[in-house]
Amino acid sequence: MALGDDLVTETQNMQRTIERRAWSTLVGAALLAVMGAIALGGLWFRVIVPPLRQMAITAQRIADGDLSVSLPEIGNRDEIGDMARAFRKMVDGLRGLFHAVSQSTHTVLEAARELESVAEQSAAGASQAAQAVSQVAAGVTEQAQASEEVRQTIEQLRRTTQEIAAGAQQTAGEIQATSQLLDRMNQVVEAVTGNAERARERAE
């Protein structure tokens, strides 16, 4: 009985020893796993997070209108590096596009200024032409008025001449009347001469 009890006791002791060793091994493996996870997390933070943070900062500056920002070269050979290089190429493309748009806008503004200057010159020329036409029209009107005055004067002279011719056929007692008619004719001639002179001056 004593031998059997000793055997049972020894077996139980060995079982407990094995359990303790297994538990220690399990705890050690868990600690190693945790330490490995922490190490990988630190490596991930140092390798992955800085490029992502830099790209976020660059994107925010571009959103604020600053296209002079340049993304530093990323040496990663993984997906993060590929994404960073693609992002940098996009920034360069946006910068070139903005420069081209600025140049086009400057060209359009210069063309608009030139068109405005040409329009102002055309308007000034049209105004001068209108003034010249108005002056010509006024001169034509004055000349027409002067021609009408000359015609009326000639008609008056013709009538006076007819009166003189009729008076010449009258008796000697009407010589005085003829003399008066001659005086009238002289006045008419002077009037005609004056009107013609004024018409010539107006035409000039």
C-alpha atoms as a PDB file:
ATOM      1  CA  MET A   1       0.000   0.000   0.000  1.00  0.00           C
ATOM      2  CA  ALA A   2       2.832   2.401   0.865  1.00  0.00           C
ATOM      3  CA  LEU A   3       4.498   1.732  -2.477  1.00  0.00           C
ATOM      4  CA  GLY A   4       1.274   2.382  -4.299  1.00  0.00           C
ATOM      5  CA  ASP A   5       0.703   5.577  -2.435  1.00  0.00           C
ATOM      6  CA  ASP A   6       4.203   6.746  -3.234  1.00  0.00           C
ATOM      7  CA  LEU A   7       3.675   5.975  -6.903  1.00  0.00           C
ATOM      8  CA  VAL A   8       0.461   7.933  -6.979  1.00  0.00           C
ATOM      9  CA  THR A   9       2.069  10.822  -5.179  1.00  0.00           C
ATOM     10  CA  GLU A  10       5.020  10.820  -7.566  1.00  0.00           C
ATOM     11  CA  THR A  11       2.722  10.725 -10.548  1.00  0.00           C
ATOM     12  CA  GLN A  12       0.725  13.647  -9.230  1.00  0.00           C
ATOM     13  CA  ASN A  13       3.922  15.602  -8.592  1.00  0.00           C
ATOM     14  CA  MET A  14       5.146  14.955 -12.139  1.00  0.00           C
ATOM     15  CA  GLN A  15       1.772  16.001 -13.519  1.00  0.00           C
ATOM     16  CA  ARG A  16       1.856  19.253 -11.576  1.00  0.00           C
ATOM     17  CA  THR A  17       5.444  19.859 -12.726  1.00  0.00           C
ATOM     18  CA  ILE A  18       4.439  19.305 -16.339  1.00  0.00           C
ATOM     19  CA  GLU A  19       1.453  21.630 -15.923  1.00  0.00           C
ATOM     20  CA  ARG A  20       3.651  24.337 -14.410  1.00  0.00           C
ATOM     21  CA  ARG A  21       6.179  24.039 -17.240  1.00  0.00           C
ATOM     22  CA  ALA A  22       3.418  24.118 -19.844  1.00  0.00           C
ATOM     23  CA  TRP A  23       1.897  27.174 -18.215  1.00  0.00           C
ATOM     24  CA  SER A  24       5.269  28.891 -18.059  1.00  0.00           C
ATOM     25  CA  THR A  25       5.880  28.095 -21.713  1.00  0.00           C
ATOM     26  CA  LEU A  26       2.442  29.424 -22.651  1.00  0.00           C
ATOM     27  CA  VAL A  27       2.972  32.622 -20.683  1.00  0.00           C
ATOM     28  CA  GLY A  28       6.409  33.097 -22.221  1.00  0.00           C
ATOM     29  CA  ALA A  29       5.028  32.600 -25.717  1.00  0.00           C
ATOM     30  CA  ALA A  30       2.271  35.120 -25.003  1.00  0.00           C
ATOM     31  CA  LEU A  31       4.793  37.633 -23.712  1.00  0.00           C
ATOM     32  CA  LEU A  32       6.954  37.111 -26.800  1.00  0.00           C
ATOM     33  CA  ALA A  33       3.890  37.605 -29.017  1.00  0.00           C
ATOM     34  CA  VAL A  34       2.986  40.826 -27.222  1.00  0.00           C
ATOM     35  CA  MET A  35       6.543  42.114 -27.452  1.00  0.00           C
ATOM     36  CA  GLY A  36       6.667  41.207 -31.144  1.00  0.00           C
ATOM     37  CA  ALA A  37       3.389  43.025 -31.751  1.00  0.00           C
ATOM     38  CA  ILE A  38       4.712  46.089 -29.962  1.00  0.00           C
ATOM     39  CA  ALA A  39       7.909  45.988 -31.996  1.00  0.00           C
ATOM     40  CA  LEU A  40       5.995  45.588 -35.245  1.00  0.00           C
ATOM     41  CA  GLY A  41       3.673  48.416 -34.215  1.00  0.00           C
ATOM     42  CA  GLY A  42       6.624  50.700 -33.587  1.00  0.00           C
ATOM     43  CA  LEU A  43       8.157  49.734 -36.910  1.00  0.00           C
ATOM     44  CA  TRP A  44       4.837  50.301 -38.650  1.00  0.00           C
ATOM     45  CA  PHE A  45       4.517  53.701 -36.991  1.00  0.00           C
ATOM     46  CA  ARG A  46       8.022  54.763 -38.059  1.00  0.00           C
ATOM     47  CA  VAL A  47       7.745  53.441 -41.623  1.00  0.00           C
ATOM     48  CA  ILE A  48       4.113  53.990 -42.612  1.00  0.00           C
ATOM     49  CA  VAL A  49       2.738  56.839 -40.519  1.00  0.00           C
ATOM     50  CA  PRO A  50       5.281  59.604 -41.445  1.00  0.00           C
ATOM     51  CA  PRO A  51       4.665  59.379 -45.234  1.00  0.00           C
ATOM     52  CA  LEU A  52       0.914  59.348 -44.673  1.00  0.00           C
ATOM     53  CA  ARG A  53       1.142  62.346 -42.345  1.00  0.00           C
ATOM     54  CA  GLN A  54       3.323  64.229 -44.867  1.00  0.00           C
ATOM     55  CA  MET A  55       0.847  63.516 -47.673  1.00  0.00           C
ATOM     56  CA  ALA A  56      -2.023  64.727 -45.477  1.00  0.00           C
ATOM     57  CA  ILE A  57      -0.180  67.977 -44.697  1.00  0.00           C
ATOM     58  CA  THR A  58       0.640  68.501 -48.385  1.00  0.00           C
ATOM     59  CA  ALA A  59      -2.971  67.847 -49.412  1.00  0.00           C
ATOM     60  CA  GLN A  60      -4.207  70.393 -46.863  1.00  0.00           C
ATOM     61  CA  ARG A  61      -1.797  73.070 -48.146  1.00  0.00           C
ATOM     62  CA  ILE A  62      -2.896  72.397 -51.727  1.00  0.00           C
ATOM     63  CA  ALA A  63      -6.537  72.681 -50.627  1.00  0.00           C
ATOM     64  CA  ASP A  64      -5.646  76.088 -49.134  1.00  0.00           C
ATOM     65  CA  GLY A  65      -4.325  77.201 -52.545  1.00  0.00           C
ATOM     66  CA  ASP A  66      -0.592  76.747 -51.944  1.00  0.00           C
ATOM     67  CA  LEU A  67       0.748  74.922 -55.006  1.00  0.00           C
ATOM     68  CA  SER A  68       4.369  75.719 -54.186  1.00  0.00           C
ATOM     69  CA  VAL A  69       4.467  72.838 -51.712  1.00  0.00           C
ATOM     70  CA  SER A  70       6.625  69.870 -52.690  1.00  0.00           C
ATOM     71  CA  LEU A  71       6.279  66.372 -51.260  1.00  0.00           C
ATOM     72  CA  PRO A  72       9.634  64.959 -50.082  1.00  0.00           C
ATOM     73  CA  GLU A  73      10.976  61.876 -51.803  1.00  0.00           C
ATOM     74  CA  ILE A  74       9.644  58.697 -50.174  1.00  0.00           C
ATOM     75  CA  GLY A  75      12.093  55.796 -50.224  1.00  0.00           C
ATOM     76  CA  ASN A  76       9.573  53.083 -49.350  1.00  0.00           C
ATOM     77  CA  ARG A  77       9.388  50.243 -51.863  1.00  0.00           C
ATOM     78  CA  ASP A  78       5.943  49.119 -50.766  1.00  0.00           C
ATOM     79  CA  GLU A  79       2.401  50.285 -51.490  1.00  0.00           C
ATOM     80  CA  ILE A  80       2.914  53.346 -49.285  1.00  0.00           C
ATOM     81  CA  GLY A  81       5.898  54.413 -51.393  1.00  0.00           C
ATOM     82  CA  ASP A  82       3.951  53.855 -54.622  1.00  0.00           C
ATOM     83  CA  MET A  83       1.066  55.935 -53.305  1.00  0.00           C
ATOM     84  CA  ALA A  84       3.425  58.714 -52.198  1.00  0.00           C
ATOM     85  CA  ARG A  85       5.111  58.842 -55.613  1.00  0.00           C
ATOM     86  CA  ALA A  86       1.733  58.935 -57.383  1.00  0.00           C
ATOM     87  CA  PHE A  87       0.642  61.738 -55.058  1.00  0.00           C
ATOM     88  CA  ARG A  88       3.815  63.683 -55.813  1.00  0.00           C
ATOM     89  CA  LYS A  89       3.230  63.280 -59.559  1.00  0.00           C
ATOM     90  CA  MET A  90      -0.328  64.554 -59.096  1.00  0.00           C
ATOM     91  CA  VAL A  91       0.957  67.643 -57.251  1.00  0.00           C
ATOM     92  CA  ASP A  92       3.428  68.363 -60.074  1.00  0.00           C
ATOM     93  CA  GLY A  93       0.608  67.995 -62.616  1.00  0.00           C
ATOM     94  CA  LEU A  94      -1.620  70.392 -60.683  1.00  0.00           C
ATOM     95  CA  ARG A  95       1.204  72.917 -60.488  1.00  0.00           C
ATOM     96  CA  GLY A  96       1.746  72.743 -64.266  1.00  0.00           C
ATOM     97  CA  LEU A  97      -1.989  73.033 -64.914  1.00  0.00           C
ATOM     98  CA  PHE A  98      -2.247  76.086 -62.669  1.00  0.00           C
ATOM     99  CA  HIS A  99       0.681  77.725 -64.472  1.00  0.00           C
ATOM    100  CA  ALA A 100      -0.928  77.061 -67.874  1.00  0.00           C
ATOM    101  CA  VAL A 101      -4.259  78.485 -66.687  1.00  0.00           C
ATOM    102  CA  SER A 102      -2.506  81.585 -65.335  1.00  0.00           C
ATOM    103  CA  GLN A 103      -0.734  82.131 -68.660  1.00  0.00           C
ATOM    104  CA  SER A 104      -3.998  81.691 -70.590  1.00  0.00           C
ATOM    105  CA  THR A 105      -5.782  84.134 -68.292  1.00  0.00           C
ATOM    106  CA  HIS A 106      -3.018  86.715 -68.789  1.00  0.00           C
ATOM    107  CA  THR A 107      -3.249  86.299 -72.576  1.00  0.00           C
ATOM    108  CA  VAL A 108      -7.037  86.714 -72.529  1.00  0.00           C
ATOM    109  CA  LEU A 109      -6.778  89.864 -70.402  1.00  0.00           C
ATOM    110  CA  GLU A 110      -4.216  91.382 -72.777  1.00  0.00           C
ATOM    111  CA  ALA A 111      -6.461  90.611 -75.776  1.00  0.00           C
ATOM    112  CA  ALA A 112      -9.441  92.175 -73.974  1.00  0.00           C
ATOM    113  CA  ARG A 113      -7.448  95.351 -73.312  1.00  0.00           C
ATOM    114  CA  GLU A 114      -6.417  95.557 -76.976  1.00  0.00           C
ATOM    115  CA  LEU A 115     -10.026  95.072 -78.116  1.00  0.00           C
ATOM    116  CA  GLU A 116     -11.166  97.790 -75.726  1.00  0.00           C
ATOM    117  CA  SER A 117      -8.537 100.179 -77.126  1.00  0.00           C
ATOM    118  CA  VAL A 118      -9.584  99.392 -80.717  1.00  0.00           C
ATOM    119  CA  ALA A 119     -13.243  99.939 -79.798  1.00  0.00           C
ATOM    120  CA  GLU A 120     -12.440 103.319 -78.252  1.00  0.00           C
ATOM    121  CA  GLN A 121     -10.482 104.361 -81.357  1.00  0.00           C
ATOM    122  CA  SER A 122     -13.345 103.222 -83.613  1.00  0.00           C
ATOM    123  CA  ALA A 123     -15.851 105.178 -81.526  1.00  0.00           C
ATOM    124  CA  ALA A 124     -13.672 108.298 -81.732  1.00  0.00           C
ATOM    125  CA  GLY A 125     -13.348 107.906 -85.519  1.00  0.00           C
ATOM    126  CA  ALA A 126     -17.107 107.460 -85.888  1.00  0.00           C
ATOM    127  CA  SER A 127     -17.712 110.602 -83.823  1.00  0.00           C
ATOM    128  CA  GLN A 128     -15.319 112.608 -86.007  1.00  0.00           C
ATOM    129  CA  ALA A 129     -16.992 111.271 -89.159  1.00  0.00           C
ATOM    130  CA  ALA A 130     -20.418 112.244 -87.796  1.00  0.00           C
ATOM    131  CA  GLN A 131     -19.172 115.759 -87.063  1.00  0.00           C
ATOM    132  CA  ALA A 132     -17.741 116.053 -90.578  1.00  0.00           C
ATOM    133  CA  VAL A 133     -21.053 114.900 -92.104  1.00  0.00           C
ATOM    134  CA  SER A 134     -22.929 117.434 -89.971  1.00  0.00           C
ATOM    135  CA  GLN A 135     -20.617 120.221 -91.132  1.00  0.00           C
ATOM    136  CA  VAL A 136     -21.062 119.226 -94.788  1.00  0.00           C
ATOM    137  CA  ALA A 137     -24.835 119.100 -94.356  1.00  0.00           C
ATOM    138  CA  ALA A 138     -24.813 122.542 -92.763  1.00  0.00           C
ATOM    139  CA  GLY A 139     -22.705 123.897 -95.647  1.00  0.00           C
ATOM    140  CA  VAL A 140     -25.070 122.393 -98.222  1.00  0.00           C
ATOM    141  CA  THR A 141     -28.054 123.926 -96.430  1.00  0.00           C
ATOM    142  CA  GLU A 142     -26.421 127.359 -96.358  1.00  0.00           C
ATOM    143  CA  GLN A 143     -25.505 127.068-100.031  1.00  0.00           C
ATOM    144  CA  ALA A 144     -29.086 126.121-100.906  1.00  0.00           C
ATOM    145  CA  GLN A 145     -30.395 129.119 -98.986  1.00  0.00           C
ATOM    146  CA  ALA A 146     -27.927 131.405-100.763  1.00  0.00           C
ATOM    147  CA  SER A 147     -28.953 129.980-104.160  1.00  0.00           C
ATOM    148  CA  GLU A 148     -32.598 130.654-103.344  1.00  0.00           C
ATOM    149  CA  GLU A 149     -31.782 134.258-102.447  1.00  0.00           C
ATOM    150  CA  VAL A 150     -29.892 134.698-105.736  1.00  0.00           C
ATOM    151  CA  ARG A 151     -32.833 133.253-107.672  1.00  0.00           C
ATOM    152  CA  GLN A 152     -35.261 135.625-105.997  1.00  0.00           C
ATOM    153  CA  THR A 153     -32.984 138.575-106.690  1.00  0.00           C
ATOM    154  CA  ILE A 154     -32.658 137.649-110.380  1.00  0.00           C
ATOM    155  CA  GLU A 155     -36.425 137.311-110.620  1.00  0.00           C
ATOM    156  CA  GLN A 156     -36.811 140.751-109.093  1.00  0.00           C
ATOM    157  CA  LEU A 157     -34.241 142.139-111.543  1.00  0.00           C
ATOM    158  CA  ARG A 158     -36.134 140.590-114.457  1.00  0.00           C
ATOM    159  CA  ARG A 159     -39.352 142.181-113.344  1.00  0.00           C
ATOM    160  CA  THR A 160     -37.662 145.511-112.882  1.00  0.00           C
ATOM    161  CA  THR A 161     -36.151 145.270-116.372  1.00  0.00           C
ATOM    162  CA  GLN A 162     -39.558 144.572-117.806  1.00  0.00           C
ATOM    163  CA  GLU A 163     -40.918 147.586-116.007  1.00  0.00           C
ATOM    164  CA  ILE A 164     -38.072 149.682-117.388  1.00  0.00           C
ATOM    165  CA  ALA A 165     -38.766 148.432-120.913  1.00  0.00           C
ATOM    166  CA  ALA A 166     -42.432 149.280-120.548  1.00  0.00           C
ATOM    167  CA  GLY A 167     -41.583 152.692-119.144  1.00  0.00           C
ATOM    168  CA  ALA A 168     -39.230 153.409-122.062  1.00  0.00           C
ATOM    169  CA  GLN A 169     -42.133 153.158-124.445  1.00  0.00           C
ATOM    170  CA  GLN A 170     -44.086 155.815-122.597  1.00  0.00           C
ATOM    171  CA  THR A 171     -44.069 159.471-123.395  1.00  0.00           C
ATOM    172  CA  ALA A 172     -41.379 161.903-122.502  1.00  0.00           C
ATOM    173  CA  GLY A 173     -43.495 162.966-119.583  1.00  0.00           C
ATOM    174  CA  GLU A 174     -42.682 159.645-117.987  1.00  0.00           C
ATOM    175  CA  ILE A 175     -38.894 160.159-118.112  1.00  0.00           C
ATOM    176  CA  GLN A 176     -38.937 161.001-114.454  1.00  0.00           C
ATOM    177  CA  ALA A 177     -40.607 157.694-113.719  1.00  0.00           C
ATOM    178  CA  THR A 178     -38.021 155.942-115.868  1.00  0.00           C
ATOM    179  CA  SER A 179     -35.249 157.634-113.938  1.00  0.00           C
ATOM    180  CA  GLN A 180     -36.785 156.387-110.746  1.00  0.00           C
ATOM    181  CA  LEU A 181     -36.989 152.906-112.196  1.00  0.00           C
ATOM    182  CA  LEU A 182     -33.308 153.117-113.105  1.00  0.00           C
ATOM    183  CA  ASP A 183     -32.562 154.051-109.560  1.00  0.00           C
ATOM    184  CA  ARG A 184     -34.502 151.034-108.411  1.00  0.00           C
ATOM    185  CA  MET A 185     -32.634 148.871-110.886  1.00  0.00           C
ATOM    186  CA  ASN A 186     -29.343 150.176-109.570  1.00  0.00           C
ATOM    187  CA  GLN A 187     -30.436 149.307-106.057  1.00  0.00           C
ATOM    188  CA  VAL A 188     -31.483 145.864-107.182  1.00  0.00           C
ATOM    189  CA  VAL A 189     -28.138 145.312-108.911  1.00  0.00           C
ATOM    190  CA  GLU A 190     -26.356 146.338-105.770  1.00  0.00           C
ATOM    191  CA  ALA A 191     -28.559 143.987-103.799  1.00  0.00           C
ATOM    192  CA  VAL A 192     -27.810 141.181-106.234  1.00  0.00           C
ATOM    193  CA  THR A 193     -24.116 141.883-105.987  1.00  0.00           C
ATOM    194  CA  GLY A 194     -24.280 141.911-102.205  1.00  0.00           C
ATOM    195  CA  ASN A 195     -26.305 138.706-102.111  1.00  0.00           C
ATOM    196  CA  ALA A 196     -23.933 136.999-104.505  1.00  0.00           C
ATOM    197  CA  GLU A 197     -20.956 138.095-102.419  1.00  0.00           C
ATOM    198  CA  ARG A 198     -22.600 136.780 -99.263  1.00  0.00           C
ATOM    199  CA  ALA A 199     -23.471 133.519-100.999  1.00  0.00           C
ATOM    200  CA  ARG A 200     -19.883 133.126-102.158  1.00  0.00           C
ATOM    201  CA  GLU A 201     -18.579 133.790 -98.645  1.00  0.00           C
ATOM    202  CA  ARG A 202     -20.989 131.261 -97.182  1.00  0.00           C
ATOM    203  CA  ALA A 203     -20.021 128.673 -99.755  1.00  0.00           C
ATOM    204  CA  GLU A 204     -16.360 129.185 -98.832  1.00  0.00           C
END
